[in-house]
Amino acid sequence: MAEKTRWNWRSMISFSLLFSMIGLFFSGVFLYISPSGRIARQTGWEILGFDKGGWEAIHDLFEFVFVFLALIHLWLNRRAIACYLRSRAALTR
């Protein structure tokens, strides 16, 4: 039963990583196409109701969530990663 619970956590973390990566991508694109800070403020630049500062905050939030989830993902898959690294090291001998 514990193995099934761990698998549910793994799949939930993986899906959340995908969601945060998509959020990072879109917020990064919006920040890339935005004008510089002073011009964005003077012109009242917005996309989807958020100004440049709002998109920077969203991007930062997705960054922190992504890093946090990536660390959990690595922890949950540490045995598989160690097994893979051992098998790769054995091939190079």
PDB file of N, CA and C in Angstrom:
ATOM      1  N   MET A   1       0.820  -1.197   0.000  1.00  0.00           N
ATOM      2  CA  MET A   1       0.000   0.000   0.000  1.00  0.00           C
ATOM      3  C   MET A   1       0.863   1.261   0.000  1.00  0.00           C
ATOM      4  N   ALA A   2       1.985   1.219   0.725  1.00  0.00           N
ATOM      5  CA  ALA A   2       2.860   2.389   0.783  1.00  0.00           C
ATOM      6  C   ALA A   2       3.468   2.688  -0.582  1.00  0.00           C
ATOM      7  N   GLU A   3       3.745   1.638  -1.363  1.00  0.00           N
ATOM      8  CA  GLU A   3       4.316   1.844  -2.693  1.00  0.00           C
ATOM      9  C   GLU A   3       3.333   2.586  -3.602  1.00  0.00           C
ATOM     10  N   LYS A   4       2.069   2.252  -3.515  1.00  0.00           N
ATOM     11  CA  LYS A   4       1.060   2.930  -4.327  1.00  0.00           C
ATOM     12  C   LYS A   4       0.933   4.396  -3.914  1.00  0.00           C
ATOM     13  N   THR A   5       1.020   4.673  -2.629  1.00  0.00           N
ATOM     14  CA  THR A   5       0.948   6.052  -2.164  1.00  0.00           C
ATOM     15  C   THR A   5       2.134   6.851  -2.693  1.00  0.00           C
ATOM     16  N   ARG A   6       3.321   6.249  -2.665  1.00  0.00           N
ATOM     17  CA  ARG A   6       4.499   6.949  -3.181  1.00  0.00           C
ATOM     18  C   ARG A   6       4.318   7.230  -4.671  1.00  0.00           C
ATOM     19  N   TRP A   7       3.760   6.283  -5.408  1.00  0.00           N
ATOM     20  CA  TRP A   7       3.549   6.498  -6.834  1.00  0.00           C
ATOM     21  C   TRP A   7       2.582   7.659  -7.067  1.00  0.00           C
ATOM     22  N   ASN A   8       1.550   7.778  -6.255  1.00  0.00           N
ATOM     23  CA  ASN A   8       0.631   8.900  -6.394  1.00  0.00           C
ATOM     24  C   ASN A   8       1.352  10.223  -6.150  1.00  0.00           C
ATOM     25  N   TRP A   9       2.240  10.248  -5.158  1.00  0.00           N
ATOM     26  CA  TRP A   9       3.020  11.457  -4.904  1.00  0.00           C
ATOM     27  C   TRP A   9       3.927  11.755  -6.093  1.00  0.00           C
ATOM     28  N   ARG A  10       4.565  10.721  -6.624  1.00  0.00           N
ATOM     29  CA  ARG A  10       5.455  10.919  -7.772  1.00  0.00           C
ATOM     30  C   ARG A  10       4.704  11.513  -8.952  1.00  0.00           C
ATOM     31  N   SER A  11       3.553  10.947  -9.267  1.00  0.00           N
ATOM     32  CA  SER A  11       2.803  11.444 -10.417  1.00  0.00           C
ATOM     33  C   SER A  11       2.280  12.857 -10.158  1.00  0.00           C
ATOM     34  N   MET A  12       1.867  13.142  -8.935  1.00  0.00           N
ATOM     35  CA  MET A  12       1.380  14.480  -8.618  1.00  0.00           C
ATOM     36  C   MET A  12       2.517  15.509  -8.721  1.00  0.00           C
ATOM     37  N   ILE A  13       3.692  15.160  -8.219  1.00  0.00           N
ATOM     38  CA  ILE A  13       4.840  16.065  -8.299  1.00  0.00           C
ATOM     39  C   ILE A  13       5.246  16.274  -9.751  1.00  0.00           C
ATOM     40  N   SER A  14       5.261  15.200 -10.543  1.00  0.00           N
ATOM     41  CA  SER A  14       5.636  15.325 -11.954  1.00  0.00           C
ATOM     42  C   SER A  14       4.653  16.211 -12.710  1.00  0.00           C
ATOM     43  N   PHE A  15       3.367  16.030 -12.467  1.00  0.00           N
ATOM     44  CA  PHE A  15       2.366  16.870 -13.122  1.00  0.00           C
ATOM     45  C   PHE A  15       2.506  18.320 -12.679  1.00  0.00           C
ATOM     46  N   SER A  16       2.777  18.546 -11.412  1.00  0.00           N
ATOM     47  CA  SER A  16       2.955  19.911 -10.906  1.00  0.00           C
ATOM     48  C   SER A  16       4.197  20.559 -11.508  1.00  0.00           C
ATOM     49  N   LEU A  17       5.256  19.764 -11.712  1.00  0.00           N
ATOM     50  CA  LEU A  17       6.450  20.287 -12.378  1.00  0.00           C
ATOM     51  C   LEU A  17       6.124  20.716 -13.803  1.00  0.00           C
ATOM     52  N   LEU A  18       5.351  19.911 -14.495  1.00  0.00           N
ATOM     53  CA  LEU A  18       4.946  20.260 -15.856  1.00  0.00           C
ATOM     54  C   LEU A  18       4.138  21.556 -15.859  1.00  0.00           C
ATOM     55  N   PHE A  19       3.187  21.673 -14.942  1.00  0.00           N
ATOM     56  CA  PHE A  19       2.367  22.877 -14.848  1.00  0.00           C
ATOM     57  C   PHE A  19       3.221  24.110 -14.558  1.00  0.00           C
ATOM     58  N   SER A  20       4.174  23.976 -13.640  1.00  0.00           N
ATOM     59  CA  SER A  20       5.018  25.135 -13.313  1.00  0.00           C
ATOM     60  C   SER A  20       5.953  25.475 -14.463  1.00  0.00           C
ATOM     61  N   MET A  21       6.391  24.469 -15.225  1.00  0.00           N
ATOM     62  CA  MET A  21       7.242  24.737 -16.380  1.00  0.00           C
ATOM     63  C   MET A  21       6.465  25.490 -17.461  1.00  0.00           C
ATOM     64  N   ILE A  22       5.206  25.123 -17.653  1.00  0.00           N
ATOM     65  CA  ILE A  22       4.363  25.843 -18.616  1.00  0.00           C
ATOM     66  C   ILE A  22       4.149  27.283 -18.153  1.00  0.00           C
ATOM     67  N   GLY A  23       3.911  27.473 -16.861  1.00  0.00           N
ATOM     68  CA  GLY A  23       3.768  28.819 -16.318  1.00  0.00           C
ATOM     69  C   GLY A  23       5.034  29.639 -16.486  1.00  0.00           C
ATOM     70  N   LEU A  24       6.190  29.015 -16.251  1.00  0.00           N
ATOM     71  CA  LEU A  24       7.465  29.703 -16.456  1.00  0.00           C
ATOM     72  C   LEU A  24       7.647  30.097 -17.917  1.00  0.00           C
ATOM     73  N   PHE A  25       7.278  29.199 -18.813  1.00  0.00           N
ATOM     74  CA  PHE A  25       7.437  29.476 -20.240  1.00  0.00           C
ATOM     75  C   PHE A  25       6.611  30.691 -20.654  1.00  0.00           C
ATOM     76  N   PHE A  26       5.315  30.673 -20.334  1.00  0.00           N
ATOM     77  CA  PHE A  26       4.451  31.762 -20.775  1.00  0.00           C
ATOM     78  C   PHE A  26       4.790  33.088 -20.095  1.00  0.00           C
ATOM     79  N   SER A  27       5.079  33.056 -18.808  1.00  0.00           N
ATOM     80  CA  SER A  27       5.446  34.313 -18.150  1.00  0.00           C
ATOM     81  C   SER A  27       6.782  34.822 -18.691  1.00  0.00           C
ATOM     82  N   GLY A  28       7.688  33.927 -19.017  1.00  0.00           N
ATOM     83  CA  GLY A  28       8.963  34.335 -19.612  1.00  0.00           C
ATOM     84  C   GLY A  28       8.782  34.949 -20.986  1.00  0.00           C
ATOM     85  N   VAL A  29       7.890  34.381 -21.791  1.00  0.00           N
ATOM     86  CA  VAL A  29       7.603  34.954 -23.111  1.00  0.00           C
ATOM     87  C   VAL A  29       6.996  36.340 -22.959  1.00  0.00           C
ATOM     88  N   PHE A  30       6.051  36.490 -22.054  1.00  0.00           N
ATOM     89  CA  PHE A  30       5.433  37.804 -21.850  1.00  0.00           C
ATOM     90  C   PHE A  30       6.464  38.825 -21.367  1.00  0.00           C
ATOM     91  N   LEU A  31       7.378  38.406 -20.502  1.00  0.00           N
ATOM     92  CA  LEU A  31       8.412  39.330 -20.038  1.00  0.00           C
ATOM     93  C   LEU A  31       9.407  39.654 -21.150  1.00  0.00           C
ATOM     94  N   TYR A  32       9.651  38.696 -22.022  1.00  0.00           N
ATOM     95  CA  TYR A  32      10.582  38.924 -23.130  1.00  0.00           C
ATOM     96  C   TYR A  32      10.033  39.952 -24.113  1.00  0.00           C
ATOM     97  N   ILE A  33       8.733  39.874 -24.393  1.00  0.00           N
ATOM     98  CA  ILE A  33       8.152  40.807 -25.371  1.00  0.00           C
ATOM     99  C   ILE A  33       7.747  42.132 -24.741  1.00  0.00           C
ATOM    100  N   SER A  34       7.824  42.234 -23.434  1.00  0.00           N
ATOM    101  CA  SER A  34       7.439  43.493 -22.781  1.00  0.00           C
ATOM    102  C   SER A  34       8.511  44.555 -23.006  1.00  0.00           C
ATOM    103  N   PRO A  35       8.100  45.803 -23.045  1.00  0.00           N
ATOM    104  CA  PRO A  35       9.090  46.886 -23.160  1.00  0.00           C
ATOM    105  C   PRO A  35       9.878  47.034 -21.855  1.00  0.00           C
ATOM    106  N   SER A  36      10.907  47.860 -21.902  1.00  0.00           N
ATOM    107  CA  SER A  36      11.706  48.070 -20.694  1.00  0.00           C
ATOM    108  C   SER A  36      10.836  48.651 -19.580  1.00  0.00           C
ATOM    109  N   GLY A  37      11.323  48.582 -18.346  1.00  0.00           N
ATOM    110  CA  GLY A  37      10.531  48.957 -17.185  1.00  0.00           C
ATOM    111  C   GLY A  37       9.933  50.340 -17.238  1.00  0.00           C
ATOM    112  N   ARG A  38      10.734  51.344 -17.594  1.00  0.00           N
ATOM    113  CA  ARG A  38      10.240  52.718 -17.613  1.00  0.00           C
ATOM    114  C   ARG A  38       9.186  52.900 -18.695  1.00  0.00           C
ATOM    115  N   ILE A  39       9.426  52.347 -19.860  1.00  0.00           N
ATOM    116  CA  ILE A  39       8.466  52.477 -20.958  1.00  0.00           C
ATOM    117  C   ILE A  39       7.178  51.729 -20.625  1.00  0.00           C
ATOM    118  N   ALA A  40       7.322  50.559 -20.030  1.00  0.00           N
ATOM    119  CA  ALA A  40       6.129  49.777 -19.656  1.00  0.00           C
ATOM    120  C   ALA A  40       5.273  50.540 -18.649  1.00  0.00           C
ATOM    121  N   ARG A  41       5.914  51.208 -17.694  1.00  0.00           N
ATOM    122  CA  ARG A  41       5.152  51.981 -16.704  1.00  0.00           C
ATOM    123  C   ARG A  41       4.497  53.197 -17.337  1.00  0.00           C
ATOM    124  N   GLN A  42       5.233  53.913 -18.189  1.00  0.00           N
ATOM    125  CA  GLN A  42       4.696  55.139 -18.782  1.00  0.00           C
ATOM    126  C   GLN A  42       3.547  54.864 -19.741  1.00  0.00           C
ATOM    127  N   THR A  43       3.610  53.765 -20.456  1.00  0.00           N
ATOM    128  CA  THR A  43       2.571  53.463 -21.437  1.00  0.00           C
ATOM    129  C   THR A  43       1.431  52.645 -20.856  1.00  0.00           C
ATOM    130  N   GLY A  44       1.582  52.141 -19.643  1.00  0.00           N
ATOM    131  CA  GLY A  44       0.532  51.324 -19.036  1.00  0.00           C
ATOM    132  C   GLY A  44       0.432  49.949 -19.680  1.00  0.00           C
ATOM    133  N   TRP A  45       1.570  49.397 -20.083  1.00  0.00           N
ATOM    134  CA  TRP A  45       1.606  48.101 -20.778  1.00  0.00           C
ATOM    135  C   TRP A  45       1.018  46.993 -19.913  1.00  0.00           C
ATOM    136  N   GLU A  46       0.154  46.179 -20.520  1.00  0.00           N
ATOM    137  CA  GLU A  46      -0.466  45.042 -19.834  1.00  0.00           C
ATOM    138  C   GLU A  46      -0.705  43.913 -20.818  1.00  0.00           C
ATOM    139  N   ILE A  47      -0.642  42.701 -20.317  1.00  0.00           N
ATOM    140  CA  ILE A  47      -1.088  41.509 -21.052  1.00  0.00           C
ATOM    141  C   ILE A  47      -1.908  40.689 -20.078  1.00  0.00           C
ATOM    142  N   LEU A  48      -3.098  40.328 -20.500  1.00  0.00           N
ATOM    143  CA  LEU A  48      -4.017  39.517 -19.697  1.00  0.00           C
ATOM    144  C   LEU A  48      -4.281  40.127 -18.320  1.00  0.00           C
ATOM    145  N   GLY A  49      -4.261  41.449 -18.255  1.00  0.00           N
ATOM    146  CA  GLY A  49      -4.602  42.137 -17.016  1.00  0.00           C
ATOM    147  C   GLY A  49      -3.454  42.344 -16.044  1.00  0.00           C
ATOM    148  N   PHE A  50      -2.254  41.914 -16.400  1.00  0.00           N
ATOM    149  CA  PHE A  50      -1.091  42.089 -15.521  1.00  0.00           C
ATOM    150  C   PHE A  50      -0.082  43.007 -16.194  1.00  0.00           C
ATOM    151  N   ASP A  51       0.485  43.930 -15.405  1.00  0.00           N
ATOM    152  CA  ASP A  51       1.544  44.777 -15.928  1.00  0.00           C
ATOM    153  C   ASP A  51       2.878  44.041 -15.801  1.00  0.00           C
ATOM    154  N   LYS A  52       3.949  44.705 -16.157  1.00  0.00           N
ATOM    155  CA  LYS A  52       5.260  44.049 -16.147  1.00  0.00           C
ATOM    156  C   LYS A  52       5.639  43.586 -14.743  1.00  0.00           C
ATOM    157  N   GLY A  53       5.370  44.401 -13.736  1.00  0.00           N
ATOM    158  CA  GLY A  53       5.663  43.999 -12.358  1.00  0.00           C
ATOM    159  C   GLY A  53       4.874  42.772 -11.936  1.00  0.00           C
ATOM    160  N   GLY A  54       3.639  42.689 -12.376  1.00  0.00           N
ATOM    161  CA  GLY A  54       2.814  41.527 -12.079  1.00  0.00           C
ATOM    162  C   GLY A  54       3.369  40.265 -12.721  1.00  0.00           C
ATOM    163  N   TRP A  55       3.803  40.376 -13.984  1.00  0.00           N
ATOM    164  CA  TRP A  55       4.374  39.216 -14.668  1.00  0.00           C
ATOM    165  C   TRP A  55       5.707  38.805 -14.051  1.00  0.00           C
ATOM    166  N   GLU A  56       6.473  39.779 -13.565  1.00  0.00           N
ATOM    167  CA  GLU A  56       7.720  39.434 -12.869  1.00  0.00           C
ATOM    168  C   GLU A  56       7.424  38.661 -11.586  1.00  0.00           C
ATOM    169  N   ALA A  57       6.389  39.084 -10.861  1.00  0.00           N
ATOM    170  CA  ALA A  57       6.014  38.382  -9.629  1.00  0.00           C
ATOM    171  C   ALA A  57       5.516  36.969  -9.935  1.00  0.00           C
ATOM    172  N   ILE A  58       4.706  36.833 -10.984  1.00  0.00           N
ATOM    173  CA  ILE A  58       4.213  35.508 -11.380  1.00  0.00           C
ATOM    174  C   ILE A  58       5.381  34.615 -11.781  1.00  0.00           C
ATOM    175  N   HIS A  59       6.309  35.166 -12.555  1.00  0.00           N
ATOM    176  CA  HIS A  59       7.472  34.398 -12.997  1.00  0.00           C
ATOM    177  C   HIS A  59       8.313  33.944 -11.799  1.00  0.00           C
ATOM    178  N   ASP A  60       8.527  34.847 -10.855  1.00  0.00           N
ATOM    179  CA  ASP A  60       9.284  34.494  -9.648  1.00  0.00           C
ATOM    180  C   ASP A  60       8.588  33.401  -8.845  1.00  0.00           C
ATOM    181  N   LEU A  61       7.278  33.501  -8.726  1.00  0.00           N
ATOM    182  CA  LEU A  61       6.519  32.479  -8.006  1.00  0.00           C
ATOM    183  C   LEU A  61       6.665  31.113  -8.668  1.00  0.00           C
ATOM    184  N   PHE A  62       6.517  31.070  -9.989  1.00  0.00           N
ATOM    185  CA  PHE A  62       6.687  29.804 -10.696  1.00  0.00           C
ATOM    186  C   PHE A  62       8.114  29.278 -10.571  1.00  0.00           C
ATOM    187  N   GLU A  63       9.099  30.172 -10.525  1.00  0.00           N
ATOM    188  CA  GLU A  63      10.489  29.738 -10.331  1.00  0.00           C
ATOM    189  C   GLU A  63      10.669  29.025  -9.000  1.00  0.00           C
ATOM    190  N   PHE A  64      10.188  29.635  -7.927  1.00  0.00           N
ATOM    191  CA  PHE A  64      10.336  29.036  -6.604  1.00  0.00           C
ATOM    192  C   PHE A  64       9.588  27.717  -6.503  1.00  0.00           C
ATOM    193  N   VAL A  65       8.389  27.665  -7.054  1.00  0.00           N
ATOM    194  CA  VAL A  65       7.608  26.423  -7.034  1.00  0.00           C
ATOM    195  C   VAL A  65       8.335  25.343  -7.826  1.00  0.00           C
ATOM    196  N   PHE A  66       8.879  25.706  -8.991  1.00  0.00           N
ATOM    197  CA  PHE A  66       9.577  24.738  -9.827  1.00  0.00           C
ATOM    198  C   PHE A  66      10.798  24.163  -9.114  1.00  0.00           C
ATOM    199  N   VAL A  67      11.606  25.019  -8.516  1.00  0.00           N
ATOM    200  CA  VAL A  67      12.805  24.545  -7.812  1.00  0.00           C
ATOM    201  C   VAL A  67      12.419  23.659  -6.633  1.00  0.00           C
ATOM    202  N   PHE A  68      11.427  24.059  -5.865  1.00  0.00           N
ATOM    203  CA  PHE A  68      10.973  23.271  -4.726  1.00  0.00           C
ATOM    204  C   PHE A  68      10.479  21.896  -5.172  1.00  0.00           C
ATOM    205  N   LEU A  69       9.651  21.872  -6.215  1.00  0.00           N
ATOM    206  CA  LEU A  69       9.132  20.601  -6.717  1.00  0.00           C
ATOM    207  C   LEU A  69      10.220  19.745  -7.346  1.00  0.00           C
ATOM    208  N   ALA A  70      11.195  20.381  -8.000  1.00  0.00           N
ATOM    209  CA  ALA A  70      12.300  19.618  -8.597  1.00  0.00           C
ATOM    210  C   ALA A  70      13.121  18.923  -7.517  1.00  0.00           C
ATOM    211  N   LEU A  71      13.339  19.590  -6.390  1.00  0.00           N
ATOM    212  CA  LEU A  71      14.072  18.961  -5.295  1.00  0.00           C
ATOM    213  C   LEU A  71      13.286  17.776  -4.718  1.00  0.00           C
ATOM    214  N   ILE A  72      11.980  17.937  -4.577  1.00  0.00           N
ATOM    215  CA  ILE A  72      11.149  16.825  -4.102  1.00  0.00           C
ATOM    216  C   ILE A  72      11.174  15.688  -5.118  1.00  0.00           C
ATOM    217  N   HIS A  73      11.107  16.022  -6.402  1.00  0.00           N
ATOM    218  CA  HIS A  73      11.139  15.019  -7.459  1.00  0.00           C
ATOM    219  C   HIS A  73      12.444  14.213  -7.409  1.00  0.00           C
ATOM    220  N   LEU A  74      13.550  14.915  -7.229  1.00  0.00           N
ATOM    221  CA  LEU A  74      14.836  14.224  -7.114  1.00  0.00           C
ATOM    222  C   LEU A  74      14.864  13.326  -5.879  1.00  0.00           C
ATOM    223  N   TRP A  75      14.314  13.788  -4.780  1.00  0.00           N
ATOM    224  CA  TRP A  75      14.297  12.988  -3.551  1.00  0.00           C
ATOM    225  C   TRP A  75      13.446  11.726  -3.728  1.00  0.00           C
ATOM    226  N   LEU A  76      12.287  11.867  -4.325  1.00  0.00           N
ATOM    227  CA  LEU A  76      11.398  10.721  -4.504  1.00  0.00           C
ATOM    228  C   LEU A  76      11.967   9.696  -5.491  1.00  0.00           C
ATOM    229  N   ASN A  77      12.812  10.148  -6.409  1.00  0.00           N
ATOM    230  CA  ASN A  77      13.374   9.265  -7.428  1.00  0.00           C
ATOM    231  C   ASN A  77      14.855   8.976  -7.199  1.00  0.00           C
ATOM    232  N   ARG A  78      15.317   9.177  -5.982  1.00  0.00           N
ATOM    233  CA  ARG A  78      16.743   9.022  -5.695  1.00  0.00           C
ATOM    234  C   ARG A  78      17.240   7.605  -5.953  1.00  0.00           C
ATOM    235  N   ARG A  79      16.441   6.596  -5.655  1.00  0.00           N
ATOM    236  CA  ARG A  79      16.872   5.209  -5.877  1.00  0.00           C
ATOM    237  C   ARG A  79      17.021   4.923  -7.366  1.00  0.00           C
ATOM    238  N   ALA A  80      16.056   5.356  -8.150  1.00  0.00           N
ATOM    239  CA  ALA A  80      16.123   5.146  -9.596  1.00  0.00           C
ATOM    240  C   ALA A  80      17.304   5.897 -10.202  1.00  0.00           C
ATOM    241  N   ILE A  81      17.557   7.104  -9.730  1.00  0.00           N
ATOM    242  CA  ILE A  81      18.685   7.890 -10.224  1.00  0.00           C
ATOM    243  C   ILE A  81      20.003   7.221  -9.850  1.00  0.00           C
ATOM    244  N   ALA A  82      20.105   6.750  -8.606  1.00  0.00           N
ATOM    245  CA  ALA A  82      21.333   6.066  -8.173  1.00  0.00           C
ATOM    246  C   ALA A  82      21.558   4.793  -8.975  1.00  0.00           C
ATOM    247  N   CYS A  83      20.509   4.037  -9.234  1.00  0.00           N
ATOM    248  CA  CYS A  83      20.622   2.811 -10.030  1.00  0.00           C
ATOM    249  C   CYS A  83      21.082   3.141 -11.447  1.00  0.00           C
ATOM    250  N   TYR A  84      20.516   4.169 -12.024  1.00  0.00           N
ATOM    251  CA  TYR A  84      20.914   4.589 -13.370  1.00  0.00           C
ATOM    252  C   TYR A  84      22.381   5.007 -13.391  1.00  0.00           C
ATOM    253  N   LEU A  85      22.808   5.798 -12.410  1.00  0.00           N
ATOM    254  CA  LEU A  85      24.196   6.252 -12.380  1.00  0.00           C
ATOM    255  C   LEU A  85      25.157   5.085 -12.178  1.00  0.00           C
ATOM    256  N   ARG A  86      24.771   4.116 -11.331  1.00  0.00           N
ATOM    257  CA  ARG A  86      25.618   2.923 -11.148  1.00  0.00           C
ATOM    258  C   ARG A  86      25.738   2.131 -12.450  1.00  0.00           C
ATOM    259  N   SER A  87      24.638   1.964 -13.160  1.00  0.00           N
ATOM    260  CA  SER A  87      24.680   1.191 -14.400  1.00  0.00           C
ATOM    261  C   SER A  87      25.504   1.924 -15.469  1.00  0.00           C
ATOM    262  N   ARG A  88      25.410   3.241 -15.514  1.00  0.00           N
ATOM    263  CA  ARG A  88      26.220   4.009 -16.461  1.00  0.00           C
ATOM    264  C   ARG A  88      27.695   3.945 -16.104  1.00  0.00           C
ATOM    265  N   ALA A  89      27.997   3.954 -14.808  1.00  0.00           N
ATOM    266  CA  ALA A  89      29.395   3.863 -14.390  1.00  0.00           C
ATOM    267  C   ALA A  89      29.967   2.479 -14.708  1.00  0.00           C
ATOM    268  N   ALA A  90      29.146   1.444 -14.592  1.00  0.00           N
ATOM    269  CA  ALA A  90      29.609   0.097 -14.913  1.00  0.00           C
ATOM    270  C   ALA A  90      29.886  -0.054 -16.410  1.00  0.00           C
ATOM    271  N   LEU A  91      29.151   0.650 -17.236  1.00  0.00           N
ATOM    272  CA  LEU A  91      29.365   0.580 -18.677  1.00  0.00           C
ATOM    273  C   LEU A  91      30.660   1.250 -19.108  1.00  0.00           C
ATOM    274  N   THR A  92      31.120   2.231 -18.359  1.00  0.00           N
ATOM    275  CA  THR A  92      32.312   2.963 -18.741  1.00  0.00           C
ATOM    276  C   THR A  92      33.596   2.282 -18.293  1.00  0.00           C
ATOM    277  N   ARG A  93      33.492   1.210 -17.516  1.00  0.00           N
ATOM    278  CA  ARG A  93      34.699   0.503 -17.059  1.00  0.00           C
ATOM    279  C   ARG A  93      35.246  -0.396 -18.094  1.00  0.00           C
TER     280      ARG A  93
END
